[in-house]
Amino acid sequence: MASGYRPRIADAELRACLGSAGAVVIEGPKACGKTRLAQQLAASTVLLDVDTAARQALAVDPALVLAGPRPRLLDEWQVEPALWNQVRRAVDAAEAPGQFLLTGSAVPADDADRHTGAGRFSFLRLRPMSLVESGAGQGGVSLAALLEGEPVSCTDPGLAVADLAELVCRGGWPAQLERPLAAACRAARDYLEQVRQVDVQRVDGRRRDPQRLGALLRSLGRNVATEVKLSTLAADAGGVDGPLDPRTVADHLQALERLMVLENQPAWRPHLRSKAALRQAPRRHFCDPSLAVAALGGSPDRLLNDLEWLGFLFESLVIRDLRVLAQALEGEVFHYRDDYGVEVDAIVQLRDGRWGAIEIKLGPGQVEAAAAGLLRFRQQIDCRRTGEPAFLAVVCGSGYGYRRADGIAVVPVGALGP
């Protein structure tokens, strides 16, 4: 493993993917560590975004670029989408797994000439680091163990509210973990500026107004971790000039999602015992809460003076971490809301059907109300058809980890681990 490389939960996922597929596509937002992750297992590398000679060779003889020790890393492959079919053919010819690694920070536009890659490609999503990966968390409570119903017990990880505000602002970007906080905050602002001015213009070749996009990013920052409607975003981003055209907002959101700057949290659809109607709107999140802060020029001090906003940002941080942890277990993270007013911040559901429900609260003083809400939610679910929850838990900002008399686990965020 390369010197200075900080191990990722996705390391084991990548090894498993390489053992089963001819090519592995690692997708994720820029600067989340895709190239470094892939280089741990790659035998050779081509950096397509900066290697002009390699891109020119593709037009003449693609075999020149694909030739080399394998697994061969093709970094930022989406700058040359035609490479996809060439890799597919090379995989077919090799008749063995572990031939290529492809990394990309944008989803290419649909192309009728591009083969689906079914049976040849495996896909791995990489996100900014969770607290346990970055070293800010101790990982004393395993998500896998929670899903197995194992006991919960850990000491207080020692993260105060001020620490959490700083972690939200710093984010999980590998390159920023050791830098001064002010530099990390500036890097997040620069990141969004690059997205606004350059990346959204390149993602599909369509021209978009950077000013309108900036207004939309600010609105998304204000409404992070909520089910804010398209019409609300349009009105908020339009300001005194009147609402933006909802079609424009939808187009901008789609571009940001293709860049993986935004990642919606879908609604869960279980079987219910009552006649309550399920809400289907997704909760909106940036890929990392630091970008929500950067969109509004925030700082740790500002967050500490606006604890309501910090609460939403904290929720977004926990969702980021749960996504990292759940993916390693072949799981996904949803949210729940019905028209009876019952809601749950996170539902972790594995491919085998096991699931757990989590309420996210910044302050330990909110645990009692959150636990009551989880018990009410539990009564809504038809467990004969959906299955019994593997766990119910409250993830909070600080305190000890333990299981209450009613069976609900209380877990400080700094203790969450794989």
Foldseek 3Di string as FASTA:
>chain_A
DDPPDQDALCLVVVVVQQQQAAEEEEEEFPQQCQVVSVVVPFPEEDAVVPPPVLVVVCVPPPVVNLDDDFPYEYEQCLVPVVVQVVSLVVSVVVVGGGNYYYYHLFAADDDPPHDPCPRHYHYHYGFFGACVRLVNFDQQDEPVVLLVLHFKWDFKSPQDLLNLLLCQQQWRRVVRSPPPSVVSNVVLLVSVVCCLPPQLCPRHVDDDDSLLLLLLLLVCLQQALHLDDLQNSQQRSCPPVGGDDSVNSVSSVVSCVRSQQKDWAFADDAAWPDPWAWDTRTGIHGSGSSNSCSSVVHHSVVCVVPVVSVFSSQLRSLQNNCQSSLVSQQWGWHWTDTPVGQIFSIWIAHPVLAIETEHEEADPVCVVVQVVSVVVVQNTGPCVRSNHHSAYEYEYQIGIWGADPVGYTYHHSSNYDD
